Amino acid sequence: MRTLIDEIMEMETAPTVHSCSCQRSANKGQHHGAFQLWASQDGEVGNPEQERAAVQAAIAAGNRNENRLSDLIFFRRHPERNGRLIQRGEPGFQTLSKEWSDIRGGLVHPWLWRDIAKVKRYVCQAKDLAEVSRQAGRAVTANEVKNAIEEAVKNAVLWAMQAAHALRTSPRSAGVRELYWQAFGICPEDVPNWVSQKRQWRDVGELVAIRLEAAAKLLKDNWIKYYCSCRPFYGPICTENVFACSWQAYGRICLSGGFWQAWAAGDRIATGSTLLHEVLHLYFEFLQHERVWPIAVIQCYEQFVLRFNNLPVGGDVTGFCSIKAGACIPA
């Protein structure tokens, strides 16, 4: 029987499949507007905030079918179609199907995965809760602990999936290419000479996208067991001066003083990026190949994800992965 880990590891070797659902219909609307950073220059796209709100509202109402959610936005952009499905051979088929796929990958998947992500496996004993309360500077309940971890998981999944889609979009925007260069010091279109013949990804940009999607999937699918405290029993090397520690052999992440201090201060960027950082550690432990600088530097992944999502990047990230000078040549 295939496990989640088997599925995750196959993501780096399986061929990339881009598909469009042309078999569903949805209610039509009429929102039009500007491009998001990742968007192609082809076709008309809607106001990002309105579209995001529409997807969130539909998910909150119980609609978790990714094709129907994608149709919802597609027909809002194209009221002239009156709900007519995309048909192979119709004028503009390639442009329309790509637009639909971009909606699904860049808007629906991130928010749907964020909604699905739950924390079901966690440990927070009485002594652990007392330690969390000490770090937070106030009494913290067990329910608050679970909600704090789950919120961080959801944010990490959303940010990773949005950044991954930007790298999968073809052609990539100039803004995405610039952010990639500044994080990794190479162009996303590069194909290094250490690539195995078995690899199916087209370039290092797509490789990073695959790894971000794999990290999001590990967070989403409840494979990880969380510990609310890193007392010596759980992790002797993880002190209150750090945010978290992880152990791949056990699929375990424990949260330390830095995480709870940031949470108490309302710093949801720090808590979300902490879990993104630790799950990338877990994923990289499964990889016994291709750990070549800078594609194996977790802080470079963090920097790209945070900056793509217009979030501030802390010194703990830039200290390991500084913003690179220069730029990619035009694609």
Protein backbone atom coordinates (compact mmCIF):
# COMPACT_ATOMS: atom_id res chain seq x y z
CA MET A 1 0.00 0.00 0.00
CA ARG A 2 1.34 3.40 -0.98
CA THR A 3 1.91 5.72 1.96
CA LEU A 4 1.83 9.49 2.08
CA ILE A 5 5.64 9.48 2.05
CA ASP A 6 5.68 7.32 -1.10
CA GLU A 7 3.33 9.80 -2.74
CA ILE A 8 5.42 12.76 -1.60
CA MET A 9 8.67 11.30 -2.90
CA GLU A 10 7.13 10.48 -6.27
CA MET A 11 6.36 14.19 -6.73
CA GLU A 12 9.99 14.83 -7.74
CA THR A 13 10.08 12.10 -10.38
CA ALA A 14 6.55 11.99 -11.77
CA PRO A 15 5.84 13.85 -15.04
CA THR A 16 4.11 17.20 -14.63
CA VAL A 17 0.50 17.10 -15.83
CA HIS A 18 -1.38 20.29 -16.61
CA SER A 19 -5.10 19.73 -17.05
CA CYS A 20 -8.29 21.68 -17.42
CA SER A 21 -11.74 20.60 -16.31
CA CYS A 22 -14.02 21.36 -19.22
CA GLN A 23 -16.92 19.31 -17.86
CA ARG A 24 -18.30 21.46 -15.07
CA SER A 25 -20.43 24.56 -14.92
CA ALA A 26 -21.02 27.12 -12.18
CA ASN A 27 -22.92 30.29 -11.40
CA LYS A 28 -21.78 33.22 -13.44
CA GLY A 29 -20.85 36.68 -12.19
CA GLN A 30 -19.14 39.81 -13.42
CA HIS A 31 -15.88 40.83 -11.79
CA HIS A 32 -12.99 42.21 -13.81
CA GLY A 33 -9.70 43.87 -12.89
CA ALA A 34 -5.93 43.63 -12.52
CA PHE A 35 -3.27 40.92 -12.74
CA GLN A 36 -1.69 39.19 -9.80
CA LEU A 37 2.08 38.83 -9.70
CA TRP A 38 2.04 35.24 -10.97
CA ALA A 39 -0.56 35.73 -13.68
CA SER A 40 0.01 35.21 -17.37
CA GLN A 41 -0.38 38.22 -19.63
CA ASP A 42 -3.03 36.31 -21.61
CA GLY A 43 -6.74 36.66 -20.99
CA GLU A 44 -8.76 38.81 -18.62
CA VAL A 45 -8.54 38.21 -14.91
CA GLY A 46 -10.64 39.49 -12.05
CA ASN A 47 -10.01 41.67 -9.03
CA PRO A 48 -7.77 39.49 -6.80
CA GLU A 49 -9.39 40.54 -3.52
CA GLN A 50 -12.92 39.96 -4.79
CA GLU A 51 -12.01 36.62 -6.28
CA ARG A 52 -10.23 35.50 -3.12
CA ALA A 53 -13.26 36.52 -1.06
CA ALA A 54 -15.57 34.62 -3.40
CA VAL A 55 -13.50 31.43 -3.09
CA GLN A 56 -13.26 31.75 0.69
CA ALA A 57 -17.03 32.30 0.98
CA ALA A 58 -17.77 29.28 -1.20
CA ILE A 59 -15.42 27.08 0.83
CA ALA A 60 -16.94 28.34 4.09
CA ALA A 61 -20.38 27.42 2.68
CA GLY A 62 -19.19 23.84 2.22
CA ASN A 63 -18.09 23.80 -1.43
CA ARG A 64 -14.81 21.86 -1.51
CA ASN A 65 -14.91 20.64 -5.09
CA GLU A 66 -11.84 22.20 -6.73
CA ASN A 67 -13.36 22.08 -10.23
CA ARG A 68 -16.57 23.81 -9.19
CA LEU A 69 -14.65 26.43 -7.25
CA SER A 70 -12.48 27.07 -10.32
CA ASP A 71 -15.59 27.32 -12.50
CA LEU A 72 -17.07 29.82 -10.06
CA ILE A 73 -14.25 32.28 -10.71
CA PHE A 74 -13.87 31.47 -14.40
CA PHE A 75 -17.52 32.27 -15.15
CA ARG A 76 -17.34 35.41 -13.02
CA ARG A 77 -14.64 36.58 -15.40
CA HIS A 78 -16.54 35.45 -18.48
CA PRO A 79 -20.25 36.23 -18.03
CA GLU A 80 -20.56 36.30 -21.82
CA ARG A 81 -20.22 32.51 -21.83
CA ASN A 82 -23.46 32.09 -19.83
CA GLY A 83 -21.99 29.05 -18.14
CA ARG A 84 -20.90 27.45 -21.43
CA LEU A 85 -18.08 24.98 -20.88
CA ILE A 86 -14.72 25.29 -22.61
CA GLN A 87 -14.76 23.10 -25.70
CA ARG A 88 -11.67 21.73 -27.39
CA GLY A 89 -11.35 23.34 -30.81
CA GLU A 90 -13.19 26.55 -29.95
CA PRO A 91 -11.39 29.86 -30.66
CA GLY A 92 -8.96 30.69 -27.88
CA PHE A 93 -9.16 27.20 -26.34
CA GLN A 94 -5.52 27.19 -25.21
CA THR A 95 -5.77 30.63 -23.60
CA LEU A 96 -9.06 29.85 -21.87
CA SER A 97 -7.97 26.44 -20.58
CA LYS A 98 -4.72 27.91 -19.28
CA GLU A 99 -6.67 30.66 -17.51
CA TRP A 100 -8.91 28.03 -15.88
CA SER A 101 -5.86 26.03 -14.79
CA ASP A 102 -4.25 29.17 -13.34
CA ILE A 103 -7.41 29.83 -11.33
CA ARG A 104 -7.34 26.33 -9.92
CA GLY A 105 -3.61 26.27 -9.17
CA GLY A 106 -3.08 29.84 -8.01
CA LEU A 107 -6.33 30.63 -6.23
CA VAL A 108 -8.42 27.54 -5.49
CA HIS A 109 -5.75 25.04 -4.41
CA PRO A 110 -4.00 27.33 -1.90
CA TRP A 111 -7.21 28.38 -0.14
CA LEU A 112 -8.79 24.93 -0.33
CA TRP A 113 -5.69 23.27 1.11
CA ARG A 114 -5.55 25.95 3.80
CA ASP A 115 -9.14 25.14 4.77
CA ILE A 116 -8.53 21.37 4.78
CA ALA A 117 -5.38 21.59 6.93
CA LYS A 118 -6.11 20.54 10.51
CA VAL A 119 -4.00 19.58 13.51
CA LYS A 120 -5.10 16.16 14.75
CA ARG A 121 -1.88 14.75 16.21
CA TYR A 122 -0.41 16.85 19.00
CA VAL A 123 0.82 16.47 22.57
CA CYS A 124 0.51 19.12 25.26
CA GLN A 125 0.68 17.74 28.77
CA ALA A 126 0.17 19.80 31.91
CA LYS A 127 3.88 20.55 32.33
CA ASP A 128 4.10 21.49 28.65
CA LEU A 129 1.16 23.87 28.95
CA ALA A 130 2.76 25.49 31.98
CA GLU A 131 5.93 26.05 29.92
CA VAL A 132 3.92 27.55 27.05
CA SER A 133 2.19 29.88 29.51
CA ARG A 134 5.55 30.94 30.92
CA GLN A 135 6.89 31.75 27.46
CA ALA A 136 3.70 33.56 26.45
CA GLY A 137 3.67 35.62 29.63
CA ARG A 138 0.12 34.63 30.55
CA ALA A 139 -2.04 31.60 31.22
CA VAL A 140 -2.69 29.72 27.98
CA THR A 141 -5.38 27.08 27.53
CA ALA A 142 -4.96 23.76 25.71
CA ASN A 143 -7.51 24.90 23.13
CA GLU A 144 -5.51 28.05 22.45
CA VAL A 145 -2.42 25.93 21.89
CA LYS A 146 -4.13 23.72 19.31
CA ASN A 147 -5.65 26.73 17.54
CA ALA A 148 -2.27 28.50 17.45
CA ILE A 149 -0.56 25.51 15.85
CA GLU A 150 -3.40 25.02 13.37
CA GLU A 151 -3.36 28.68 12.36
CA ALA A 152 0.39 28.47 11.71
CA VAL A 153 -0.11 25.29 9.66
CA LYS A 154 -2.82 26.92 7.56
CA ASN A 155 -0.72 30.01 6.87
CA ALA A 156 2.33 27.95 5.90
CA VAL A 157 0.23 25.84 3.51
CA LEU A 158 -1.33 28.91 1.88
CA TRP A 159 1.96 30.78 1.41
CA ALA A 160 3.81 27.74 0.08
CA MET A 161 1.08 26.84 -2.42
CA GLN A 162 0.76 30.39 -3.74
CA ALA A 163 4.52 30.66 -4.26
CA ALA A 164 4.67 27.20 -5.86
CA HIS A 165 2.01 28.10 -8.39
CA ALA A 166 3.89 31.24 -9.36
CA LEU A 167 6.85 29.04 -10.31
CA ARG A 168 4.68 26.59 -12.24
CA THR A 169 3.03 29.37 -14.29
CA SER A 170 4.41 29.59 -17.81
CA PRO A 171 5.71 32.00 -18.80
CA ARG A 172 6.81 33.18 -15.37
CA SER A 173 6.39 36.87 -14.70
CA ALA A 174 9.40 39.16 -14.49
CA GLY A 175 8.58 39.80 -10.83
CA VAL A 176 8.63 36.11 -9.95
CA ARG A 177 11.91 35.59 -11.80
CA GLU A 178 13.46 38.52 -9.95
CA LEU A 179 12.36 37.20 -6.55
CA TYR A 180 13.71 33.76 -7.43
CA TRP A 181 17.08 35.20 -8.42
CA GLN A 182 17.29 37.25 -5.26
CA ALA A 183 16.56 34.18 -3.13
CA PHE A 184 18.57 31.49 -4.93
CA GLY A 185 21.11 33.42 -7.01
CA ILE A 186 20.19 31.53 -10.18
CA CYS A 187 17.40 31.84 -12.73
CA PRO A 188 14.39 29.53 -12.30
CA GLU A 189 14.91 28.34 -15.89
CA ASP A 190 18.35 26.88 -15.10
CA VAL A 191 18.87 23.12 -15.43
CA PRO A 192 21.97 22.10 -13.42
CA ASN A 193 24.39 19.47 -14.66
CA TRP A 194 23.70 17.20 -11.66
CA VAL A 195 20.17 16.44 -12.85
CA SER A 196 19.38 12.73 -13.11
CA GLN A 197 17.83 11.41 -16.31
CA LYS A 198 14.89 10.18 -14.23
CA ARG A 199 13.88 13.69 -13.27
CA GLN A 200 10.76 14.99 -14.98
CA TRP A 201 10.79 18.62 -13.82
CA ARG A 202 11.77 21.07 -16.53
CA ASP A 203 14.01 23.42 -14.50
CA VAL A 204 15.01 24.38 -10.95
CA GLY A 205 12.04 26.71 -10.65
CA GLU A 206 9.68 23.79 -11.09
CA LEU A 207 11.79 21.70 -8.69
CA VAL A 208 11.39 24.32 -5.97
CA ALA A 209 7.64 24.42 -6.72
CA ILE A 210 7.41 20.64 -6.32
CA ARG A 211 9.22 20.79 -2.99
CA LEU A 212 7.00 23.59 -1.69
CA GLU A 213 3.91 21.60 -2.71
CA ALA A 214 5.33 18.52 -0.97
CA ALA A 215 5.92 20.52 2.21
CA ALA A 216 2.36 21.86 2.06
CA LYS A 217 1.01 18.35 1.59
CA LEU A 218 2.90 17.04 4.62
CA LEU A 219 1.37 19.85 6.68
CA LYS A 220 -2.12 19.40 5.23
CA ASP A 221 -2.42 15.63 5.49
CA ASN A 222 -1.81 15.23 9.23
CA TRP A 223 1.40 13.25 8.89
CA ILE A 224 3.20 15.44 11.45
CA LYS A 225 2.84 15.05 15.21
CA TYR A 226 3.23 18.34 17.07
CA TYR A 227 4.53 18.87 20.59
CA CYS A 228 3.64 22.18 22.20
CA SER A 229 6.86 22.25 24.21
CA CYS A 230 10.45 21.19 23.63
CA ARG A 231 11.19 20.05 27.15
CA PRO A 232 14.34 17.87 27.38
CA PHE A 233 12.28 14.70 27.10
CA TYR A 234 11.15 15.76 23.61
CA GLY A 235 14.24 17.52 22.37
CA PRO A 236 17.32 18.19 24.46
CA ILE A 237 18.91 20.34 21.75
CA CYS A 238 15.86 22.56 21.38
CA THR A 239 16.07 25.34 23.95
CA GLU A 240 13.76 28.26 24.64
CA ASN A 241 16.00 30.49 22.53
CA VAL A 242 14.90 28.79 19.32
CA PHE A 243 11.47 28.51 17.69
CA ALA A 244 11.15 24.80 16.97
CA CYS A 245 12.92 21.49 16.29
CA SER A 246 11.99 18.55 14.08
CA TRP A 247 12.83 14.85 13.74
CA GLN A 248 12.17 13.15 10.42
CA ALA A 249 12.37 9.63 11.85
CA TYR A 250 9.32 10.31 13.98
CA GLY A 251 7.52 12.88 11.82
CA ARG A 252 7.66 15.19 14.78
CA ILE A 253 7.86 18.96 15.30
CA CYS A 254 8.18 20.46 18.76
CA LEU A 255 7.61 24.15 19.42
CA SER A 256 9.91 26.08 21.70
CA GLY A 257 10.06 29.43 23.44
CA GLY A 258 10.58 31.59 20.36
CA PHE A 259 7.41 30.27 18.74
CA TRP A 260 5.22 30.99 21.76
CA GLN A 261 6.78 34.38 22.39
CA ALA A 262 6.07 35.33 18.77
CA TRP A 263 2.52 33.96 19.02
CA ALA A 264 1.85 35.95 22.21
CA ALA A 265 3.13 39.09 20.45
CA GLY A 266 0.73 38.51 17.54
CA ASP A 267 3.50 37.68 15.06
CA ARG A 268 1.70 35.21 12.79
CA ILE A 269 4.37 35.54 10.10
CA ALA A 270 6.98 34.13 12.48
CA THR A 271 4.78 31.22 13.57
CA GLY A 272 3.72 30.30 10.03
CA SER A 273 7.23 30.56 8.61
CA THR A 274 8.55 28.47 11.52
CA LEU A 275 6.36 25.54 10.49
CA LEU A 276 7.28 26.01 6.82
CA HIS A 277 10.95 25.91 7.83
CA GLU A 278 10.59 22.78 9.95
CA VAL A 279 8.50 20.83 7.45
CA LEU A 280 11.13 21.56 4.78
CA HIS A 281 13.70 20.06 7.18
CA LEU A 282 11.55 16.93 7.40
CA TYR A 283 11.14 16.74 3.64
CA PHE A 284 14.84 17.26 2.94
CA GLU A 285 15.66 14.39 5.27
CA PHE A 286 13.79 12.10 2.87
CA LEU A 287 15.96 13.32 0.00
CA GLN A 288 19.29 11.58 -0.15
CA HIS A 289 20.16 13.18 -3.49
CA GLU A 290 20.43 16.52 -5.24
CA ARG A 291 21.10 18.52 -2.08
CA VAL A 292 23.16 21.05 -3.96
CA TRP A 293 23.54 24.68 -2.90
CA PRO A 294 21.41 26.76 -3.06
CA ILE A 295 18.53 24.41 -3.93
CA ALA A 296 18.99 22.71 -0.54
CA VAL A 297 19.15 25.86 1.61
CA ILE A 298 15.85 26.00 3.47
CA GLN A 299 16.18 29.71 4.26
CA CYS A 300 16.25 30.46 0.51
CA TYR A 301 12.90 28.71 0.13
CA GLU A 302 11.59 30.72 3.08
CA GLN A 303 12.85 33.97 1.60
CA PHE A 304 11.21 33.31 -1.76
CA VAL A 305 7.89 32.28 -0.20
CA LEU A 306 7.74 35.21 2.21
CA ARG A 307 8.74 37.85 -0.31
CA PHE A 308 6.37 36.47 -2.94
CA ASN A 309 3.53 36.76 -0.42
CA ASN A 310 4.60 40.34 0.42
CA LEU A 311 5.64 39.35 3.94
CA PRO A 312 8.70 40.67 5.80
CA VAL A 313 11.81 38.49 5.93
CA GLY A 314 13.64 38.31 9.25
CA GLY A 315 17.36 38.38 9.87
CA ASP A 316 17.36 34.70 10.83
CA VAL A 317 16.48 33.99 7.18
CA THR A 318 18.68 36.51 5.42
CA GLY A 319 21.58 35.54 7.63
CA PHE A 320 21.67 32.18 5.88
CA CYS A 321 20.29 33.29 2.54
CA SER A 322 21.12 36.89 1.69
CA ILE A 323 19.35 38.75 -1.10
CA LYS A 324 21.45 38.19 -4.21
CA ALA A 325 22.63 41.09 -6.38
CA GLY A 326 22.13 41.04 -10.14
CA ALA A 327 19.21 39.72 -12.14
CA CYS A 328 18.13 37.06 -14.59
CA ILE A 329 18.42 37.82 -18.27
CA PRO A 330 15.00 38.33 -19.88
CA ALA A 331 13.26 35.00 -20.46
